[in-house]
Amino acid sequence: MKSTALLLLASSQTAFAELASSQTAFAEPPQYTQIPFGRSVLSHCLHEVPSGSHSFAQSDGTTKVVQPNGKIITIPKCISKHPTFRFNQDDVQGRPLPADYDGWLSYTSLNVTDIGLTGGFDSFTSTMSVPDIPKEAAQQLFFFPGLQNIDWIPKVDPEPTDSNPFDIIQPVLQYPYGIFGSSWGLKSWYVTINAGALYTSGVKVKEGDAILCNMTRTGEDSWSISGGVTGGKGFQVQSATNADRLKVQPWAYSAVTECYGCDGCDTFPTKPITFTDNKLYQGGKLVTVKGSDWRINAKPPAKFECHEKTTVASNGDATTTFQ
């Protein structure tokens, strides 16, 4: 009897400890990770994939990823009582968001209707320069071109909903990058709202490199997103198939500067960053786009951090200066 009582007591203590642990974990604030496009995503909804992977959205909300070695993994649906992404509003428990996200500080935008077309673009290529390393590191500084299914600018527009799904495909230059955070890095990103985000592992790049950016349709609802040093190795590539989001990409963005925690001019390059040879295609044909067709900061940020200024040449080349 005594031994039985001891076993029951031990069992009860273990169950109580497990319950307390689960309640503590439930009460802990959710973990978010900063990404290039609108606030932070729930860390368990952010997934690294090897360069060369192809993701397929499944009807049950999961994502099947076929890696370049043929291995197949399944990413679970992003489920949480907390918002998938953190924007300007408080989270569901009323805690204010940290004031670390500066938003899109400068960019250019173009819709197919601006050049007399309908539908969407089938390809967008651009060459992005790599500027000098800032004197001080922000939490995260991003530069990129991209294609989107809707015109949504983070921190400016209301958060998209399930009935108005969003995506962006983008090769992204970021600083800091690497173990010691002392270099520029390049990754390929596919970001959705309400579903999570995928990114490639990344590669280091250096000042003076020219990054060839390429977002090209490979099927009715499939795209390839890539970026790499022109004439070099280490291209970051991922492909994505999603019938709900990737059928039409009518919005193009170039020269996007996005930052978390920028604090004065020391957290920006001293040299300009350029996006040259911008080319958009539809139906396999190069479409004519004048420099004046690109809109600069159509929805400007609440404030600039370091005199950010983007100009567009008559041929569509974009240059962003700081300082």
Protein backbone atom coordinates (compact mmCIF):
# COMPACT_ATOMS: atom_id res chain seq x y z
CA MET A 1 0.00 0.00 0.00
CA LYS A 2 2.76 2.36 0.92
CA SER A 3 4.59 1.78 -2.36
CA THR A 4 1.36 2.19 -4.32
CA ALA A 5 0.65 5.48 -2.59
CA LEU A 6 4.14 6.70 -3.36
CA LEU A 7 3.71 5.78 -7.03
CA LEU A 8 0.39 7.61 -7.17
CA LEU A 9 1.95 10.66 -5.52
CA ALA A 10 4.86 10.65 -7.92
CA SER A 11 2.51 10.27 -10.88
CA SER A 12 0.38 13.16 -9.67
CA GLN A 13 3.44 15.38 -9.20
CA THR A 14 4.64 14.54 -12.69
CA ALA A 15 1.25 15.31 -14.23
CA PHE A 16 1.07 18.59 -12.30
CA ALA A 17 4.56 19.55 -13.47
CA GLU A 18 3.67 18.78 -17.08
CA LEU A 19 0.47 20.81 -16.82
CA ALA A 20 2.32 23.74 -15.27
CA SER A 21 4.96 23.54 -17.99
CA SER A 22 2.37 23.54 -20.78
CA GLN A 23 0.52 26.47 -19.21
CA THR A 24 3.78 28.40 -18.89
CA ALA A 25 4.67 27.70 -22.50
CA PHE A 26 1.20 28.78 -23.60
CA ALA A 27 1.56 32.02 -21.65
CA GLU A 28 4.96 32.84 -23.11
CA PRO A 29 4.92 35.52 -25.86
CA PRO A 30 5.19 34.15 -29.40
CA GLN A 31 8.57 34.20 -31.14
CA TYR A 32 8.86 36.24 -34.34
CA THR A 33 11.66 36.50 -36.91
CA GLN A 34 12.35 39.56 -39.06
CA ILE A 35 11.89 39.01 -42.80
CA PRO A 36 12.07 41.15 -45.95
CA PHE A 37 8.47 42.12 -46.27
CA GLY A 38 6.36 43.50 -43.58
CA ARG A 39 7.08 43.03 -39.94
CA SER A 40 8.08 39.72 -38.46
CA VAL A 41 6.71 36.27 -39.12
CA LEU A 42 6.03 33.65 -36.46
CA SER A 43 9.35 31.81 -36.22
CA HIS A 44 7.74 28.39 -36.64
CA CYS A 45 6.11 29.63 -39.89
CA LEU A 46 9.47 30.60 -41.44
CA HIS A 47 11.35 27.85 -43.27
CA GLU A 48 14.78 27.60 -44.84
CA VAL A 49 15.03 25.44 -47.97
CA PRO A 50 18.12 24.43 -49.96
CA SER A 51 18.76 26.44 -53.10
CA GLY A 52 17.15 24.60 -55.99
CA SER A 53 14.10 23.47 -54.01
CA HIS A 54 10.55 23.55 -55.40
CA SER A 55 7.59 24.10 -53.07
CA PHE A 56 4.02 23.02 -53.81
CA ALA A 57 1.07 24.42 -51.85
CA GLN A 58 -1.32 21.63 -50.81
CA SER A 59 -5.10 21.83 -50.46
CA ASP A 60 -4.91 21.09 -46.71
CA GLY A 61 -2.68 24.11 -46.05
CA THR A 62 0.59 22.18 -45.86
CA THR A 63 3.47 22.73 -48.28
CA LYS A 64 5.38 19.96 -50.02
CA VAL A 65 9.01 20.82 -50.72
CA VAL A 66 11.04 18.81 -53.22
CA GLN A 67 14.72 19.42 -52.51
CA PRO A 68 17.36 19.33 -55.27
CA ASN A 69 18.55 15.91 -54.08
CA GLY A 70 15.03 14.53 -54.56
CA LYS A 71 14.18 14.39 -50.87
CA ILE A 72 10.62 15.46 -50.09
CA ILE A 73 9.61 17.20 -46.88
CA THR A 74 6.21 18.46 -45.77
CA ILE A 75 5.92 21.82 -44.03
CA PRO A 76 2.89 21.96 -41.70
CA LYS A 77 0.24 24.63 -42.02
CA CYS A 78 1.08 27.76 -40.05
CA ILE A 79 -1.32 27.58 -37.09
CA SER A 80 -1.26 29.83 -34.03
CA LYS A 81 -3.58 31.81 -31.80
CA HIS A 82 -1.24 34.71 -32.53
CA PRO A 83 -1.08 36.65 -35.83
CA THR A 84 1.17 35.01 -38.43
CA PHE A 85 2.81 38.40 -39.00
CA ARG A 86 3.29 41.38 -36.71
CA PHE A 87 2.43 44.76 -38.17
CA ASN A 88 1.34 48.03 -36.57
CA GLN A 89 -1.50 46.72 -34.43
CA ASP A 90 -1.10 45.13 -31.01
CA ASP A 91 -1.11 41.36 -30.94
CA VAL A 92 -4.12 39.41 -29.70
CA GLN A 93 -3.10 39.88 -26.06
CA GLY A 94 -2.82 43.63 -26.40
CA ARG A 95 0.94 43.94 -26.08
CA PRO A 96 2.32 46.83 -28.15
CA LEU A 97 4.68 45.95 -30.96
CA PRO A 98 8.33 46.97 -30.67
CA ALA A 99 9.19 50.08 -32.63
CA ASP A 100 11.86 48.35 -34.69
CA TYR A 101 10.27 48.21 -38.13
CA ASP A 102 10.83 51.19 -40.39
CA GLY A 103 8.92 49.77 -43.36
CA TRP A 104 9.60 50.43 -47.03
CA LEU A 105 11.67 53.59 -46.92
CA SER A 106 11.86 54.04 -50.69
CA TYR A 107 10.71 52.09 -53.75
CA THR A 108 9.29 52.27 -57.27
CA SER A 109 6.15 50.50 -58.45
CA LEU A 110 4.42 49.60 -61.69
CA ASN A 111 1.14 47.87 -62.55
CA VAL A 112 0.41 46.23 -65.91
CA THR A 113 -2.41 48.70 -66.47
CA ASP A 114 0.09 51.57 -66.24
CA ILE A 115 1.50 50.44 -69.59
CA GLY A 116 -1.81 49.59 -71.25
CA LEU A 117 -1.84 45.85 -70.53
CA THR A 118 -4.11 43.45 -68.66
CA GLY A 119 -3.38 40.26 -66.71
CA GLY A 120 0.06 40.02 -65.15
CA PHE A 121 3.76 39.91 -65.89
CA ASP A 122 5.47 36.65 -66.81
CA SER A 123 9.03 37.68 -65.99
CA PHE A 124 10.98 40.46 -64.31
CA THR A 125 14.76 40.70 -64.51
CA SER A 126 17.01 43.33 -62.99
CA THR A 127 20.65 43.87 -62.04
CA MET A 128 21.11 45.03 -58.45
CA SER A 129 24.41 46.52 -57.28
CA VAL A 130 26.02 45.78 -53.92
CA PRO A 131 26.99 49.02 -52.12
CA ASP A 132 29.48 49.56 -49.32
CA ILE A 133 28.87 48.17 -45.85
CA PRO A 134 27.17 50.63 -43.46
CA LYS A 135 29.28 52.01 -40.62
CA GLU A 136 26.82 50.56 -38.12
CA ALA A 137 24.49 47.59 -38.49
CA ALA A 138 20.75 48.02 -38.25
CA GLN A 139 18.79 45.05 -36.98
CA GLN A 140 18.25 44.14 -40.63
CA LEU A 141 18.56 46.15 -43.85
CA PHE A 142 17.06 44.75 -47.08
CA PHE A 143 17.17 45.74 -50.76
CA PHE A 144 15.26 43.97 -53.53
CA PRO A 145 13.09 43.97 -56.66
CA GLY A 146 9.91 41.90 -56.52
CA LEU A 147 6.60 40.84 -58.04
CA GLN A 148 3.30 40.73 -56.13
CA ASN A 149 -0.23 39.55 -56.77
CA ILE A 150 -1.77 42.63 -55.07
CA ASP A 151 -0.54 46.14 -54.31
CA TRP A 152 0.19 45.82 -50.62
CA ILE A 153 2.82 47.95 -48.87
CA PRO A 154 3.64 46.91 -45.28
CA LYS A 155 3.03 49.37 -42.48
CA VAL A 156 1.00 51.56 -44.88
CA ASP A 157 -1.84 49.28 -46.01
CA PRO A 158 -4.17 47.13 -43.87
CA GLU A 159 -3.04 43.55 -43.39
CA PRO A 160 -4.28 41.21 -46.17
CA THR A 161 -6.90 38.63 -45.24
CA ASP A 162 -7.58 35.01 -46.18
CA SER A 163 -10.14 36.26 -48.69
CA ASN A 164 -7.55 38.63 -50.18
CA PRO A 165 -4.38 36.49 -50.15
CA PHE A 166 -0.99 38.04 -50.74
CA ASP A 167 2.40 36.92 -52.01
CA ILE A 168 5.72 38.39 -53.04
CA ILE A 169 8.57 36.69 -54.90
CA GLN A 170 11.93 38.40 -54.45
CA PRO A 171 15.70 37.93 -54.57
CA VAL A 172 16.94 39.89 -51.55
CA LEU A 173 20.20 41.60 -50.58
CA GLN A 174 20.57 41.91 -46.81
CA TYR A 175 22.92 43.32 -44.18
CA PRO A 176 24.10 42.10 -41.75
CA TYR A 177 24.63 38.51 -42.86
CA GLY A 178 26.79 35.60 -41.76
CA ILE A 179 28.01 34.24 -38.46
CA PHE A 180 29.64 37.49 -37.42
CA GLY A 181 27.21 39.73 -39.30
CA SER A 182 29.98 41.53 -41.16
CA SER A 183 29.00 41.02 -44.79
CA TRP A 184 26.22 41.37 -47.34
CA GLY A 185 24.15 38.27 -48.06
CA LEU A 186 21.81 37.20 -50.84
CA LYS A 187 18.76 34.95 -50.51
CA SER A 188 15.77 33.99 -52.61
CA TRP A 189 12.41 34.53 -50.86
CA TYR A 190 8.79 33.52 -51.36
CA VAL A 191 6.63 35.27 -48.76
CA THR A 192 2.90 34.97 -48.18
CA ILE A 193 0.59 36.45 -45.62
CA ASN A 194 -1.60 33.92 -43.79
CA ALA A 195 0.67 31.05 -44.87
CA GLY A 196 4.27 31.78 -43.88
CA ALA A 197 7.53 32.27 -45.78
CA LEU A 198 10.29 30.25 -47.48
CA TYR A 199 13.87 31.37 -48.07
CA THR A 200 17.06 29.81 -49.38
CA SER A 201 20.07 29.40 -47.11
CA GLY A 202 21.93 32.31 -48.70
CA VAL A 203 25.36 33.23 -49.98
CA LYS A 204 27.83 36.00 -49.16
CA VAL A 205 28.33 38.81 -51.67
CA LYS A 206 30.62 41.83 -51.54
CA GLU A 207 30.74 45.51 -52.42
CA GLY A 208 30.97 46.01 -56.17
CA ASP A 209 29.20 42.76 -57.09
CA ALA A 210 26.39 42.93 -59.63
CA ILE A 211 23.44 40.70 -58.71
CA LEU A 212 21.33 39.32 -61.55
CA CYS A 213 17.75 39.07 -60.25
CA ASN A 214 15.26 36.90 -62.11
CA MET A 215 11.60 36.12 -61.38
CA THR A 216 10.13 34.05 -64.21
CA ARG A 217 6.91 32.11 -64.69
CA THR A 218 7.53 28.42 -65.33
CA GLY A 219 3.90 27.24 -65.45
CA GLU A 220 0.32 28.38 -65.03
CA ASP A 221 0.80 28.94 -61.31
CA SER A 222 4.55 28.28 -60.89
CA TRP A 223 7.52 30.64 -60.66
CA SER A 224 11.28 30.52 -60.35
CA ILE A 225 12.91 33.13 -58.10
CA SER A 226 16.68 33.52 -58.37
CA GLY A 227 19.57 35.84 -57.68
CA GLY A 228 23.31 35.55 -58.05
CA VAL A 229 26.52 37.37 -58.89
CA THR A 230 26.66 38.01 -62.62
CA GLY A 231 29.08 35.55 -64.21
CA GLY A 232 29.69 33.82 -60.88
CA LYS A 233 28.55 30.81 -58.90
CA GLY A 234 26.33 30.43 -55.88
CA PHE A 235 23.00 31.47 -57.41
CA GLN A 236 20.16 31.32 -54.89
CA VAL A 237 17.16 29.70 -56.55
CA GLN A 238 13.80 28.45 -55.41
CA SER A 239 10.63 27.60 -57.30
CA ALA A 240 7.07 27.81 -56.01
CA THR A 241 3.71 26.48 -57.17
CA ASN A 242 0.54 27.88 -55.63
CA ALA A 243 -2.80 27.87 -57.47
CA ASP A 244 -4.36 30.36 -55.04
CA ARG A 245 -1.66 33.02 -55.21
CA LEU A 246 0.71 32.71 -58.14
CA LYS A 247 -1.57 32.72 -61.18
CA VAL A 248 -1.30 36.48 -61.76
CA GLN A 249 1.51 38.82 -60.71
CA PRO A 250 0.48 42.28 -62.00
CA TRP A 251 2.57 44.43 -59.62
CA ALA A 252 6.30 45.03 -60.08
CA TYR A 253 8.53 46.81 -57.55
CA SER A 254 12.11 47.93 -57.91
CA ALA A 255 14.72 49.68 -55.77
CA VAL A 256 12.98 48.69 -52.55
CA THR A 257 14.76 49.79 -49.35
CA GLU A 258 13.34 48.13 -46.24
CA CYS A 259 14.74 48.24 -42.74
CA TYR A 260 14.29 47.04 -39.18
CA GLY A 261 15.87 49.31 -36.62
CA CYS A 262 17.66 51.78 -38.87
CA ASP A 263 18.97 54.64 -36.75
CA GLY A 264 20.44 57.52 -38.70
CA CYS A 265 22.75 57.62 -41.68
CA ASP A 266 25.41 55.37 -40.14
CA THR A 267 23.07 52.41 -40.67
CA PHE A 268 22.94 53.02 -44.44
CA PRO A 269 25.56 52.72 -47.20
CA THR A 270 27.39 55.87 -48.21
CA LYS A 271 27.30 54.85 -51.88
CA PRO A 272 24.11 54.57 -53.97
CA ILE A 273 22.49 51.27 -54.81
CA THR A 274 21.35 50.81 -58.41
CA PHE A 275 18.78 48.63 -60.16
CA THR A 276 19.64 48.63 -63.83
CA ASP A 277 18.49 46.86 -66.97
CA ASN A 278 15.00 46.40 -65.55
CA LYS A 279 13.02 44.25 -67.99
CA LEU A 280 9.42 43.07 -67.79
CA TYR A 281 7.89 40.40 -70.01
CA GLN A 282 4.40 39.23 -70.86
CA GLY A 283 3.54 36.32 -73.14
CA GLY A 284 7.21 35.72 -73.82
CA LYS A 285 7.72 39.24 -75.18
CA LEU A 286 9.60 42.18 -73.71
CA VAL A 287 7.14 44.95 -72.89
CA THR A 288 7.93 48.62 -73.40
CA VAL A 289 8.30 50.47 -70.11
CA LYS A 290 9.43 54.10 -69.95
CA GLY A 291 11.17 55.50 -66.92
CA SER A 292 8.21 57.79 -66.31
CA ASP A 293 5.92 54.75 -66.01
CA TRP A 294 7.53 53.81 -62.70
CA ARG A 295 5.92 55.54 -59.71
CA ILE A 296 8.29 56.60 -56.92
CA ASN A 297 7.06 56.10 -53.35
CA ALA A 298 3.39 55.95 -54.31
CA LYS A 299 2.68 55.31 -50.63
CA PRO A 300 5.55 57.01 -48.81
CA PRO A 301 6.74 56.09 -45.31
CA ALA A 302 5.76 58.14 -42.27
CA LYS A 303 9.35 59.40 -42.10
CA PHE A 304 12.67 58.88 -43.82
CA GLU A 305 15.69 57.65 -41.88
CA CYS A 306 18.58 59.11 -43.90
CA HIS A 307 17.46 61.32 -46.77
CA GLU A 308 16.57 58.26 -48.87
CA LYS A 309 15.91 59.35 -52.44
CA THR A 310 15.15 57.23 -55.48
CA THR A 311 15.36 58.52 -59.04
CA VAL A 312 14.45 56.73 -62.27
CA ALA A 313 16.21 57.38 -65.59
CA SER A 314 14.35 57.52 -68.88
CA ASN A 315 15.31 53.90 -69.59
CA GLY A 316 13.93 52.70 -66.25
CA ASP A 317 17.22 52.39 -64.34
CA ALA A 318 16.64 53.24 -60.67
CA THR A 319 19.16 54.72 -58.25
CA THR A 320 18.68 55.18 -54.51
CA THR A 321 20.97 57.50 -52.57
CA PHE A 322 21.40 58.07 -48.85
CA GLN A 323 23.35 60.49 -46.65
